[in-house]
Amino acid sequence: MAMMNKSKLGMVTIFCLGVVLVWLIFFWQPSRPSVATGYPTPVANTPAGGDFVLSSPGGPVSLADYRGKVVLIYFGYTFCPDICPTSLANLAQALSALTPSELEKVQGLFISVDPARDSMEVLKIYTPYFHSHLLGLSGTPEQLAVIARQYGVRYMMQKPNAEGLYSIDHSSFTYVVAPDGKLAATLPHGSSPRQAVDMIRELLAAKRT
């Protein structure tokens, strides 16, 4: 009887841990200081978005360079073990679902919040792996802090381990910018590629009318 009770207790414990893990992955957004600034970067109820200029493997890139296109922006870092690759893979699926003429009017941007490790050489290899219409960007900690506030993004570097490796807690939204340069929507982590495709086509159709 005691062994059965222990077995049941173990199953309940595993179930509870699973629930906590799911909550951490899909719902938790850290509210601690940002790695770039050392002070909280609050998530705005309605982020303003707006233009910015960052470095890319090919030189400086401005959001204004893509005026007339739908731009999908994701903030993360290349050492991210699972959340970023999953989000970028979904974004790549959405881009691949577009027709060639639609794809010409769309651009994906991956903004690294880990400039210490994500050099332009790293981004040049990492981002095209997911899709050719995905461009890697980064900048100085100060630049990233300003853009994070514009888009309501939060991120924080965790304490490095004995080998000096560290992770970064960060918001996991895809920001959809309309052809006029204004932030149109934010897609939460776990959104399907179909949801992104529908949003892109809706914005492209609105541009034509």
N, C-alpha and C. Protein backbone atom coordinates (compact mmCIF):
# COMPACT_ATOMS: atom_id res chain seq x y z
N MET A 1 0.84 -1.22 0.00
CA MET A 1 0.00 0.00 0.00
C MET A 1 0.87 1.26 0.00
N ALA A 2 1.94 1.20 0.85
CA ALA A 2 2.84 2.35 0.93
C ALA A 2 3.52 2.59 -0.41
N MET A 3 3.88 1.48 -1.09
CA MET A 3 4.53 1.62 -2.40
C MET A 3 3.59 2.24 -3.41
N MET A 4 2.30 1.88 -3.36
CA MET A 4 1.32 2.46 -4.30
C MET A 4 1.17 3.95 -4.03
N ASN A 5 1.13 4.33 -2.75
CA ASN A 5 1.00 5.75 -2.43
C ASN A 5 2.20 6.54 -2.93
N LYS A 6 3.39 5.95 -2.77
CA LYS A 6 4.58 6.63 -3.27
C LYS A 6 4.53 6.77 -4.78
N SER A 7 4.04 5.73 -5.46
CA SER A 7 3.94 5.78 -6.91
C SER A 7 2.97 6.86 -7.36
N LYS A 8 1.82 6.95 -6.68
CA LYS A 8 0.84 7.99 -7.02
C LYS A 8 1.42 9.37 -6.76
N LEU A 9 2.13 9.51 -5.62
CA LEU A 9 2.73 10.80 -5.29
C LEU A 9 3.73 11.22 -6.35
N GLY A 10 4.52 10.22 -6.83
CA GLY A 10 5.49 10.53 -7.87
C GLY A 10 4.84 10.98 -9.15
N MET A 11 3.72 10.35 -9.53
CA MET A 11 3.01 10.73 -10.76
C MET A 11 2.44 12.12 -10.63
N VAL A 12 1.89 12.44 -9.45
CA VAL A 12 1.34 13.78 -9.23
C VAL A 12 2.44 14.83 -9.32
N THR A 13 3.60 14.51 -8.73
CA THR A 13 4.73 15.45 -8.76
C THR A 13 5.18 15.71 -10.19
N ILE A 14 5.29 14.65 -10.99
CA ILE A 14 5.70 14.80 -12.39
C ILE A 14 4.69 15.63 -13.16
N PHE A 15 3.38 15.39 -12.91
CA PHE A 15 2.34 16.16 -13.60
C PHE A 15 2.45 17.63 -13.26
N CYS A 16 2.65 17.94 -11.96
CA CYS A 16 2.74 19.34 -11.53
C CYS A 16 3.95 20.02 -12.15
N LEU A 17 5.07 19.30 -12.20
CA LEU A 17 6.27 19.87 -12.82
C LEU A 17 6.03 20.14 -14.30
N GLY A 18 5.30 19.24 -14.96
CA GLY A 18 4.98 19.44 -16.37
C GLY A 18 4.14 20.68 -16.59
N VAL A 19 3.15 20.91 -15.72
CA VAL A 19 2.30 22.09 -15.83
C VAL A 19 3.13 23.36 -15.66
N VAL A 20 4.03 23.34 -14.66
CA VAL A 20 4.88 24.51 -14.41
C VAL A 20 5.78 24.78 -15.61
N LEU A 21 6.34 23.72 -16.21
CA LEU A 21 7.22 23.88 -17.37
C LEU A 21 6.48 24.49 -18.54
N VAL A 22 5.27 24.00 -18.80
CA VAL A 22 4.46 24.57 -19.90
C VAL A 22 4.18 26.04 -19.65
N TRP A 23 3.86 26.39 -18.40
CA TRP A 23 3.58 27.80 -18.07
C TRP A 23 4.80 28.67 -18.30
N LEU A 24 5.98 28.15 -17.89
CA LEU A 24 7.21 28.92 -18.07
C LEU A 24 7.51 29.17 -19.54
N ILE A 25 7.29 28.13 -20.35
CA ILE A 25 7.64 28.25 -21.78
C ILE A 25 6.70 29.18 -22.52
N PHE A 26 5.39 29.07 -22.25
CA PHE A 26 4.42 29.78 -23.09
C PHE A 26 3.88 31.07 -22.49
N PHE A 27 3.97 31.24 -21.18
CA PHE A 27 3.30 32.39 -20.59
C PHE A 27 4.22 33.31 -19.79
N TRP A 28 5.34 32.79 -19.28
CA TRP A 28 6.16 33.61 -18.41
C TRP A 28 6.93 34.64 -19.19
N GLN A 29 6.86 35.90 -18.78
CA GLN A 29 7.67 36.96 -19.35
C GLN A 29 8.43 37.63 -18.21
N PRO A 30 9.74 37.54 -18.18
CA PRO A 30 10.50 38.08 -17.05
C PRO A 30 10.34 39.58 -16.93
N SER A 31 10.24 40.09 -15.72
CA SER A 31 10.09 41.52 -15.49
C SER A 31 11.30 42.07 -14.75
N ARG A 32 12.46 41.45 -15.02
CA ARG A 32 13.67 41.88 -14.36
C ARG A 32 14.44 42.83 -15.26
N PRO A 33 15.54 43.44 -14.77
CA PRO A 33 16.27 44.42 -15.56
C PRO A 33 16.76 43.84 -16.88
N SER A 34 16.87 44.68 -17.90
CA SER A 34 17.36 44.23 -19.19
C SER A 34 18.86 44.10 -19.16
N VAL A 35 19.38 43.19 -19.98
CA VAL A 35 20.82 42.98 -20.03
C VAL A 35 21.52 44.23 -20.53
N ALA A 36 20.85 45.01 -21.37
CA ALA A 36 21.50 46.16 -21.97
C ALA A 36 21.55 47.37 -21.04
N THR A 37 20.54 47.55 -20.21
CA THR A 37 20.43 48.79 -19.48
C THR A 37 20.54 48.67 -17.98
N GLY A 38 20.20 47.51 -17.43
CA GLY A 38 20.24 47.35 -16.00
C GLY A 38 19.02 47.90 -15.30
N TYR A 39 17.99 48.32 -16.05
CA TYR A 39 16.75 48.76 -15.43
C TYR A 39 15.59 48.16 -16.19
N PRO A 40 14.41 48.08 -15.56
CA PRO A 40 13.28 47.39 -16.20
C PRO A 40 12.89 48.03 -17.51
N THR A 41 12.58 47.20 -18.49
CA THR A 41 12.05 47.65 -19.77
C THR A 41 10.61 47.17 -19.85
N PRO A 42 9.63 47.98 -19.41
CA PRO A 42 8.26 47.51 -19.31
C PRO A 42 7.62 47.22 -20.65
N VAL A 43 6.71 46.27 -20.67
CA VAL A 43 5.94 45.98 -21.87
C VAL A 43 4.76 46.95 -21.91
N ALA A 44 4.69 47.73 -22.95
CA ALA A 44 3.60 48.69 -23.08
C ALA A 44 2.32 47.95 -23.42
N ASN A 45 1.18 48.50 -22.95
CA ASN A 45 -0.11 47.89 -23.29
C ASN A 45 -0.30 47.88 -24.80
N THR A 46 0.06 48.98 -25.43
CA THR A 46 0.02 49.08 -26.89
C THR A 46 1.36 49.64 -27.34
N PRO A 47 2.33 48.77 -27.66
CA PRO A 47 3.65 49.26 -28.07
C PRO A 47 3.54 50.22 -29.25
N ALA A 48 4.36 51.25 -29.23
CA ALA A 48 4.31 52.24 -30.29
C ALA A 48 5.02 51.78 -31.55
N GLY A 49 6.06 50.94 -31.38
CA GLY A 49 6.83 50.56 -32.55
C GLY A 49 7.62 51.75 -33.06
N GLY A 50 7.92 51.76 -34.32
CA GLY A 50 8.62 52.90 -34.91
C GLY A 50 9.92 52.51 -35.59
N ASP A 51 10.49 53.48 -36.30
CA ASP A 51 11.70 53.24 -37.08
C ASP A 51 12.93 53.04 -36.19
N PHE A 52 13.93 52.40 -36.76
CA PHE A 52 15.20 52.19 -36.08
C PHE A 52 16.25 51.88 -37.13
N VAL A 53 17.51 52.00 -36.72
CA VAL A 53 18.64 51.64 -37.59
C VAL A 53 19.54 50.71 -36.79
N LEU A 54 19.88 49.56 -37.38
CA LEU A 54 20.75 48.59 -36.74
C LEU A 54 21.77 48.07 -37.77
N SER A 55 22.74 47.32 -37.28
CA SER A 55 23.75 46.74 -38.16
C SER A 55 23.29 45.38 -38.67
N SER A 56 23.64 45.10 -39.91
CA SER A 56 23.39 43.79 -40.51
C SER A 56 24.70 43.31 -41.13
N PRO A 57 24.79 42.05 -41.52
CA PRO A 57 26.02 41.57 -42.17
C PRO A 57 26.37 42.35 -43.43
N GLY A 58 25.38 42.99 -44.04
CA GLY A 58 25.63 43.76 -45.26
C GLY A 58 25.75 45.26 -45.04
N GLY A 59 25.69 45.70 -43.77
CA GLY A 59 25.78 47.12 -43.49
C GLY A 59 24.56 47.61 -42.72
N PRO A 60 24.48 48.92 -42.47
CA PRO A 60 23.36 49.46 -41.70
C PRO A 60 22.03 49.22 -42.40
N VAL A 61 21.02 48.90 -41.59
CA VAL A 61 19.67 48.66 -42.11
C VAL A 61 18.69 49.46 -41.28
N SER A 62 17.78 50.14 -41.97
CA SER A 62 16.73 50.90 -41.31
C SER A 62 15.39 50.24 -41.59
N LEU A 63 14.51 50.30 -40.62
CA LEU A 63 13.16 49.77 -40.87
C LEU A 63 12.52 50.54 -42.02
N ALA A 64 12.85 51.81 -42.15
CA ALA A 64 12.29 52.63 -43.22
C ALA A 64 12.71 52.12 -44.60
N ASP A 65 13.79 51.35 -44.67
CA ASP A 65 14.22 50.79 -45.95
C ASP A 65 13.16 49.87 -46.54
N TYR A 66 12.29 49.35 -45.68
CA TYR A 66 11.28 48.38 -46.11
C TYR A 66 9.88 48.98 -46.18
N ARG A 67 9.83 50.30 -46.26
CA ARG A 67 8.53 50.94 -46.40
C ARG A 67 7.85 50.43 -47.67
N GLY A 68 6.59 50.09 -47.55
CA GLY A 68 5.86 49.50 -48.66
C GLY A 68 5.78 47.98 -48.55
N LYS A 69 6.54 47.41 -47.59
CA LYS A 69 6.50 45.97 -47.37
C LYS A 69 5.93 45.67 -45.98
N VAL A 70 5.46 44.44 -45.82
CA VAL A 70 5.10 43.95 -44.49
C VAL A 70 6.37 43.39 -43.87
N VAL A 71 6.67 43.83 -42.64
CA VAL A 71 7.89 43.40 -41.97
C VAL A 71 7.52 42.63 -40.70
N LEU A 72 8.11 41.46 -40.53
CA LEU A 72 7.91 40.66 -39.33
C LEU A 72 9.20 40.66 -38.53
N ILE A 73 9.12 41.10 -37.27
CA ILE A 73 10.31 41.27 -36.44
C ILE A 73 10.26 40.33 -35.25
N TYR A 74 11.38 39.65 -35.01
CA TYR A 74 11.47 38.78 -33.84
C TYR A 74 12.76 39.11 -33.09
N PHE A 75 12.65 39.29 -31.77
CA PHE A 75 13.80 39.58 -30.92
C PHE A 75 14.24 38.29 -30.22
N GLY A 76 15.53 37.98 -30.27
CA GLY A 76 16.02 36.79 -29.61
C GLY A 76 17.54 36.75 -29.64
N TYR A 77 18.10 35.55 -29.65
CA TYR A 77 19.56 35.42 -29.74
C TYR A 77 19.89 34.03 -30.26
N THR A 78 21.04 33.89 -30.90
CA THR A 78 21.34 32.66 -31.62
C THR A 78 21.65 31.48 -30.71
N PHE A 79 22.05 31.74 -29.46
CA PHE A 79 22.33 30.66 -28.52
C PHE A 79 21.07 30.16 -27.83
N CYS A 80 19.93 30.74 -28.15
CA CYS A 80 18.66 30.33 -27.56
C CYS A 80 18.41 28.85 -27.91
N PRO A 81 18.17 28.00 -26.90
CA PRO A 81 18.09 26.57 -27.17
C PRO A 81 16.83 26.08 -27.85
N ASP A 82 15.68 26.74 -27.63
CA ASP A 82 14.45 26.18 -28.19
C ASP A 82 13.42 27.22 -28.63
N ILE A 83 13.16 28.24 -27.81
CA ILE A 83 12.10 29.20 -28.13
C ILE A 83 12.37 29.93 -29.43
N CYS A 84 13.58 30.46 -29.59
CA CYS A 84 13.91 31.20 -30.81
C CYS A 84 13.88 30.31 -32.06
N PRO A 85 14.53 29.15 -32.03
CA PRO A 85 14.46 28.29 -33.23
C PRO A 85 13.03 27.91 -33.61
N THR A 86 12.19 27.67 -32.60
CA THR A 86 10.80 27.32 -32.89
C THR A 86 10.08 28.49 -33.55
N SER A 87 10.25 29.67 -32.99
CA SER A 87 9.59 30.86 -33.53
C SER A 87 10.09 31.17 -34.94
N LEU A 88 11.40 31.08 -35.15
CA LEU A 88 11.95 31.37 -36.47
C LEU A 88 11.54 30.31 -37.49
N ALA A 89 11.42 29.07 -37.06
CA ALA A 89 10.97 28.02 -37.96
C ALA A 89 9.53 28.26 -38.39
N ASN A 90 8.69 28.70 -37.45
CA ASN A 90 7.30 29.03 -37.79
C ASN A 90 7.25 30.21 -38.75
N LEU A 91 8.10 31.20 -38.50
CA LEU A 91 8.15 32.36 -39.38
C LEU A 91 8.60 31.94 -40.78
N ALA A 92 9.57 31.06 -40.85
CA ALA A 92 10.06 30.57 -42.14
C ALA A 92 8.96 29.81 -42.89
N GLN A 93 8.17 29.03 -42.16
CA GLN A 93 7.06 28.32 -42.79
C GLN A 93 6.04 29.30 -43.37
N ALA A 94 5.80 30.37 -42.64
CA ALA A 94 4.86 31.38 -43.12
C ALA A 94 5.39 32.03 -44.40
N LEU A 95 6.67 32.37 -44.41
CA LEU A 95 7.25 32.99 -45.60
C LEU A 95 7.22 32.03 -46.78
N SER A 96 7.47 30.77 -46.52
CA SER A 96 7.47 29.77 -47.59
C SER A 96 6.08 29.51 -48.15
N ALA A 97 5.05 29.83 -47.36
CA ALA A 97 3.67 29.61 -47.81
C ALA A 97 3.17 30.73 -48.73
N LEU A 98 3.93 31.81 -48.82
CA LEU A 98 3.52 32.94 -49.66
C LEU A 98 3.86 32.66 -51.12
N THR A 99 3.14 33.31 -52.00
CA THR A 99 3.47 33.21 -53.42
C THR A 99 4.71 34.07 -53.68
N PRO A 100 5.42 33.82 -54.77
CA PRO A 100 6.61 34.63 -55.08
C PRO A 100 6.32 36.13 -55.11
N SER A 101 5.18 36.52 -55.67
CA SER A 101 4.84 37.94 -55.73
C SER A 101 4.56 38.50 -54.34
N GLU A 102 3.95 37.71 -53.47
CA GLU A 102 3.71 38.15 -52.10
C GLU A 102 5.02 38.27 -51.33
N LEU A 103 5.90 37.30 -51.51
CA LEU A 103 7.16 37.28 -50.79
C LEU A 103 8.02 38.50 -51.11
N GLU A 104 7.91 39.01 -52.34
CA GLU A 104 8.66 40.21 -52.71
C GLU A 104 8.26 41.42 -51.86
N LYS A 105 7.07 41.37 -51.27
CA LYS A 105 6.55 42.49 -50.49
C LYS A 105 6.64 42.24 -48.98
N VAL A 106 7.46 41.27 -48.58
CA VAL A 106 7.57 40.89 -47.17
C VAL A 106 9.04 40.74 -46.78
N GLN A 107 9.37 41.14 -45.56
CA GLN A 107 10.72 40.96 -45.05
C GLN A 107 10.67 40.53 -43.59
N GLY A 108 11.47 39.52 -43.25
CA GLY A 108 11.59 39.09 -41.86
C GLY A 108 12.89 39.61 -41.26
N LEU A 109 12.83 40.10 -40.03
CA LEU A 109 14.01 40.61 -39.33
C LEU A 109 14.17 39.89 -38.00
N PHE A 110 15.36 39.38 -37.75
CA PHE A 110 15.70 38.77 -36.47
C PHE A 110 16.67 39.71 -35.76
N ILE A 111 16.23 40.31 -34.65
CA ILE A 111 17.06 41.26 -33.92
C ILE A 111 17.67 40.56 -32.71
N SER A 112 18.98 40.43 -32.70
CA SER A 112 19.66 39.77 -31.59
C SER A 112 19.83 40.73 -30.42
N VAL A 113 19.46 40.27 -29.23
CA VAL A 113 19.65 41.05 -28.01
C VAL A 113 20.91 40.57 -27.28
N ASP A 114 21.77 39.86 -28.00
CA ASP A 114 23.01 39.32 -27.43
C ASP A 114 24.19 39.74 -28.31
N PRO A 115 24.45 41.06 -28.41
CA PRO A 115 25.51 41.52 -29.33
C PRO A 115 26.90 41.05 -28.94
N ALA A 116 27.10 40.66 -27.68
CA ALA A 116 28.42 40.19 -27.26
C ALA A 116 28.82 38.91 -27.97
N ARG A 117 27.84 38.05 -28.26
CA ARG A 117 28.14 36.78 -28.93
C ARG A 117 27.66 36.74 -30.37
N ASP A 118 26.59 37.48 -30.67
CA ASP A 118 26.02 37.42 -32.02
C ASP A 118 26.64 38.48 -32.92
N SER A 119 27.83 38.18 -33.40
CA SER A 119 28.51 39.07 -34.32
C SER A 119 27.82 39.04 -35.69
N MET A 120 28.22 39.93 -36.56
CA MET A 120 27.65 39.95 -37.90
C MET A 120 27.97 38.65 -38.65
N GLU A 121 29.15 38.08 -38.36
CA GLU A 121 29.52 36.82 -39.00
C GLU A 121 28.59 35.69 -38.56
N VAL A 122 28.25 35.69 -37.26
CA VAL A 122 27.34 34.67 -36.74
C VAL A 122 25.94 34.84 -37.34
N LEU A 123 25.44 36.07 -37.37
CA LEU A 123 24.10 36.33 -37.90
C LEU A 123 24.02 36.02 -39.40
N LYS A 124 25.12 36.24 -40.09
CA LYS A 124 25.14 35.97 -41.54
C LYS A 124 24.91 34.50 -41.83
N ILE A 125 25.36 33.63 -40.94
CA ILE A 125 25.18 32.18 -41.10
C ILE A 125 23.85 31.72 -40.52
N TYR A 126 23.50 32.27 -39.36
CA TYR A 126 22.35 31.76 -38.60
C TYR A 126 21.01 32.05 -39.26
N THR A 127 20.75 33.29 -39.58
CA THR A 127 19.40 33.65 -40.03
C THR A 127 19.01 33.09 -41.40
N PRO A 128 19.88 33.11 -42.41
CA PRO A 128 19.46 32.55 -43.70
C PRO A 128 19.21 31.05 -43.64
N TYR A 129 19.72 30.40 -42.59
CA TYR A 129 19.47 28.97 -42.43
C TYR A 129 17.97 28.68 -42.37
N PHE A 130 17.22 29.63 -41.77
CA PHE A 130 15.78 29.45 -41.64
C PHE A 130 15.06 29.85 -42.92
N HIS A 131 15.43 31.01 -43.50
CA HIS A 131 14.80 31.45 -44.75
C HIS A 131 15.63 32.58 -45.35
N SER A 132 15.66 32.63 -46.67
CA SER A 132 16.45 33.65 -47.36
C SER A 132 15.90 35.06 -47.16
N HIS A 133 14.62 35.18 -46.80
CA HIS A 133 14.02 36.49 -46.57
C HIS A 133 14.02 36.86 -45.09
N LEU A 134 14.91 36.24 -44.34
CA LEU A 134 15.08 36.56 -42.92
C LEU A 134 16.48 37.15 -42.75
N LEU A 135 16.55 38.36 -42.21
CA LEU A 135 17.82 39.08 -42.08
C LEU A 135 18.14 39.29 -40.61
N GLY A 136 19.39 39.00 -40.22
CA GLY A 136 19.82 39.17 -38.84
C GLY A 136 20.35 40.57 -38.59
N LEU A 137 19.93 41.18 -37.49
CA LEU A 137 20.36 42.52 -37.11
C LEU A 137 20.80 42.54 -35.65
N SER A 138 21.63 43.50 -35.31
CA SER A 138 21.97 43.76 -33.91
C SER A 138 22.58 45.15 -33.84
N GLY A 139 22.97 45.54 -32.63
CA GLY A 139 23.52 46.87 -32.44
C GLY A 139 24.19 46.98 -31.09
N THR A 140 24.42 48.18 -30.66
CA THR A 140 25.01 48.39 -29.34
C THR A 140 23.95 48.13 -28.27
N PRO A 141 24.38 47.86 -27.04
CA PRO A 141 23.39 47.68 -25.97
C PRO A 141 22.45 48.87 -25.84
N GLU A 142 22.97 50.07 -26.06
CA GLU A 142 22.13 51.26 -25.95
C GLU A 142 21.08 51.31 -27.06
N GLN A 143 21.49 50.98 -28.27
CA GLN A 143 20.53 50.96 -29.39
C GLN A 143 19.44 49.93 -29.14
N LEU A 144 19.83 48.75 -28.69
CA LEU A 144 18.86 47.69 -28.45
C LEU A 144 17.89 48.05 -27.34
N ALA A 145 18.37 48.75 -26.32
CA ALA A 145 17.49 49.16 -25.22
C ALA A 145 16.41 50.12 -25.71
N VAL A 146 16.79 51.04 -26.58
CA VAL A 146 15.82 52.01 -27.13
C VAL A 146 14.76 51.29 -27.96
N ILE A 147 15.19 50.39 -28.83
CA ILE A 147 14.25 49.67 -29.70
C ILE A 147 13.36 48.75 -28.87
N ALA A 148 13.93 48.16 -27.84
CA ALA A 148 13.13 47.29 -26.96
C ALA A 148 11.99 48.08 -26.32
N ARG A 149 12.27 49.29 -25.89
CA ARG A 149 11.21 50.12 -25.30
C ARG A 149 10.16 50.48 -26.35
N GLN A 150 10.60 50.74 -27.58
CA GLN A 150 9.66 51.08 -28.64
C GLN A 150 8.65 49.96 -28.86
N TYR A 151 9.14 48.72 -28.80
CA TYR A 151 8.30 47.58 -29.14
C TYR A 151 7.79 46.80 -27.91
N GLY A 152 8.09 47.32 -26.72
CA GLY A 152 7.61 46.66 -25.52
C GLY A 152 8.28 45.32 -25.26
N VAL A 153 9.55 45.21 -25.62
CA VAL A 153 10.30 43.96 -25.47
C VAL A 153 11.06 43.97 -24.15
N ARG A 154 11.09 42.83 -23.46
CA ARG A 154 11.89 42.68 -22.26
C ARG A 154 12.91 41.57 -22.43
N TYR A 155 14.09 41.77 -21.89
CA TYR A 155 15.11 40.73 -21.95
C TYR A 155 16.11 40.94 -20.82
N MET A 156 16.70 39.83 -20.36
CA MET A 156 17.65 39.90 -19.25
C MET A 156 18.62 38.73 -19.32
N MET A 157 19.90 39.04 -19.21
CA MET A 157 20.92 38.00 -19.20
C MET A 157 20.96 37.33 -17.83
N GLN A 158 20.98 36.00 -17.84
CA GLN A 158 21.09 35.26 -16.60
C GLN A 158 22.56 35.14 -16.19
N LYS A 159 22.80 34.76 -14.95
CA LYS A 159 24.16 34.65 -14.43
C LYS A 159 24.91 33.55 -15.18
N PRO A 160 26.12 33.83 -15.68
CA PRO A 160 26.89 32.81 -16.40
C PRO A 160 27.24 31.62 -15.50
N ASN A 161 27.37 30.46 -16.10
CA ASN A 161 27.77 29.29 -15.34
C ASN A 161 29.29 29.23 -15.21
N ALA A 162 29.80 28.14 -14.69
CA ALA A 162 31.24 28.02 -14.45
C ALA A 162 32.06 28.13 -15.74
N GLU A 163 31.44 27.75 -16.86
CA GLU A 163 32.13 27.83 -18.16
C GLU A 163 31.94 29.19 -18.83
N GLY A 164 31.23 30.09 -18.18
CA GLY A 164 30.99 31.40 -18.75
C GLY A 164 29.82 31.46 -19.70
N LEU A 165 29.08 30.37 -19.83
CA LEU A 165 27.91 30.35 -20.70
C LEU A 165 26.70 30.91 -19.98
N TYR A 166 25.84 31.59 -20.71
CA TYR A 166 24.67 32.19 -20.10
C TYR A 166 23.48 32.14 -21.07
N SER A 167 22.30 32.24 -20.50
CA SER A 167 21.08 32.33 -21.31
C SER A 167 20.48 33.71 -21.11
N ILE A 168 19.53 34.05 -21.96
CA ILE A 168 18.86 35.34 -21.88
C ILE A 168 17.36 35.12 -21.88
N ASP A 169 16.71 35.56 -20.82
CA ASP A 169 15.25 35.54 -20.80
C ASP A 169 14.76 36.69 -21.67
N HIS A 170 13.78 36.42 -22.53
CA HIS A 170 13.31 37.50 -23.41
C HIS A 170 11.86 37.27 -23.82
N SER A 171 11.22 38.36 -24.20
CA SER A 171 9.87 38.29 -24.74
C SER A 171 9.91 37.45 -26.01
N SER A 172 8.80 36.80 -26.29
CA SER A 172 8.76 35.92 -27.47
C SER A 172 7.54 36.21 -28.32
N PHE A 173 7.52 37.41 -28.90
CA PHE A 173 6.45 37.81 -29.79
C PHE A 173 7.02 38.08 -31.18
N THR A 174 6.21 37.92 -32.19
CA THR A 174 6.56 38.36 -33.54
C THR A 174 5.79 39.63 -33.81
N TYR A 175 6.52 40.70 -34.13
CA TYR A 175 5.90 42.01 -34.34
C TYR A 175 5.68 42.22 -35.83
N VAL A 176 4.45 42.54 -36.19
CA VAL A 176 4.08 42.68 -37.59
C VAL A 176 3.92 44.16 -37.91
N VAL A 177 4.76 44.65 -38.81
CA VAL A 177 4.75 46.06 -39.20
C VAL A 177 4.09 46.19 -40.57
N ALA A 178 3.14 47.08 -40.66
CA ALA A 178 2.41 47.29 -41.91
C ALA A 178 3.27 48.03 -42.93
N PRO A 179 2.85 48.03 -44.20
CA PRO A 179 3.63 48.71 -45.24
C PRO A 179 3.86 50.21 -44.98
N ASP A 180 3.01 50.84 -44.15
CA ASP A 180 3.22 52.25 -43.85
C ASP A 180 4.20 52.47 -42.70
N GLY A 181 4.79 51.37 -42.19
CA GLY A 181 5.79 51.48 -41.14
C GLY A 181 5.25 51.44 -39.73
N LYS A 182 3.92 51.32 -39.59
CA LYS A 182 3.33 51.30 -38.26
C LYS A 182 3.16 49.87 -37.76
N LEU A 183 3.33 49.70 -36.44
CA LEU A 183 3.14 48.38 -35.84
C LEU A 183 1.67 48.01 -35.92
N ALA A 184 1.38 46.89 -36.60
CA ALA A 184 -0.01 46.49 -36.84
C ALA A 184 -0.49 45.44 -35.87
N ALA A 185 0.41 44.54 -35.45
CA ALA A 185 -0.02 43.44 -34.58
C ALA A 185 1.19 42.79 -33.94
N THR A 186 0.94 42.08 -32.84
CA THR A 186 1.96 41.24 -32.22
C THR A 186 1.40 39.82 -32.14
N LEU A 187 2.15 38.88 -32.67
CA LEU A 187 1.75 37.48 -32.64
C LEU A 187 2.45 36.79 -31.49
N PRO A 188 1.72 36.20 -30.54
CA PRO A 188 2.36 35.54 -29.40
C PRO A 188 3.08 34.27 -29.78
N HIS A 189 3.98 33.84 -28.92
CA HIS A 189 4.68 32.58 -29.13
C HIS A 189 3.66 31.44 -29.24
N GLY A 190 3.88 30.58 -30.20
CA GLY A 190 2.95 29.49 -30.41
C GLY A 190 1.94 29.76 -31.51
N SER A 191 1.94 30.99 -32.05
CA SER A 191 1.05 31.29 -33.17
C SER A 191 1.45 30.43 -34.36
N SER A 192 0.47 29.99 -35.11
CA SER A 192 0.76 29.10 -36.24
C SER A 192 1.25 29.90 -37.44
N PRO A 193 1.99 29.27 -38.35
CA PRO A 193 2.39 29.95 -39.59
C PRO A 193 1.18 30.48 -40.35
N ARG A 194 0.06 29.78 -40.29
CA ARG A 194 -1.15 30.22 -40.99
C ARG A 194 -1.63 31.56 -40.46
N GLN A 195 -1.53 31.77 -39.16
CA GLN A 195 -1.94 33.06 -38.59
C GLN A 195 -1.07 34.19 -39.14
N ALA A 196 0.21 33.94 -39.28
CA ALA A 196 1.11 34.96 -39.83
C ALA A 196 0.79 35.22 -41.30
N VAL A 197 0.55 34.15 -42.04
CA VAL A 197 0.21 34.30 -43.46
C VAL A 197 -1.07 35.11 -43.63
N ASP A 198 -2.08 34.81 -42.82
CA ASP A 198 -3.34 35.54 -42.91
C ASP A 198 -3.14 37.02 -42.60
N MET A 199 -2.31 37.32 -41.60
CA MET A 199 -2.05 38.71 -41.24
C MET A 199 -1.30 39.43 -42.37
N ILE A 200 -0.31 38.76 -42.95
CA ILE A 200 0.45 39.35 -44.05
C ILE A 200 -0.48 39.67 -45.22
N ARG A 201 -1.31 38.73 -45.60
CA ARG A 201 -2.19 38.93 -46.75
C ARG A 201 -3.23 40.01 -46.49
N GLU A 202 -3.67 40.09 -45.25
CA GLU A 202 -4.63 41.14 -44.90
C GLU A 202 -4.00 42.52 -45.05
N LEU A 203 -2.75 42.67 -44.60
CA LEU A 203 -2.07 43.95 -44.69
C LEU A 203 -1.72 44.29 -46.15
N LEU A 204 -1.32 43.29 -46.94
CA LEU A 204 -1.03 43.53 -48.35
C LEU A 204 -2.29 43.93 -49.10
N ALA A 205 -3.41 43.30 -48.77
CA ALA A 205 -4.67 43.66 -49.41
C ALA A 205 -5.09 45.07 -49.03
N ALA A 206 -4.88 45.45 -47.79
CA ALA A 206 -5.24 46.81 -47.35
C ALA A 206 -4.40 47.85 -48.08
N LYS A 207 -3.16 47.51 -48.37
CA LYS A 207 -2.26 48.44 -49.07
C LYS A 207 -2.76 48.70 -50.48
N ARG A 208 -3.36 47.67 -51.11
CA ARG A 208 -3.81 47.81 -52.50
C ARG A 208 -5.10 48.64 -52.61
N THR A 209 -5.88 48.71 -51.52
CA THR A 209 -7.16 49.42 -51.58
C THR A 209 -7.03 50.89 -51.26
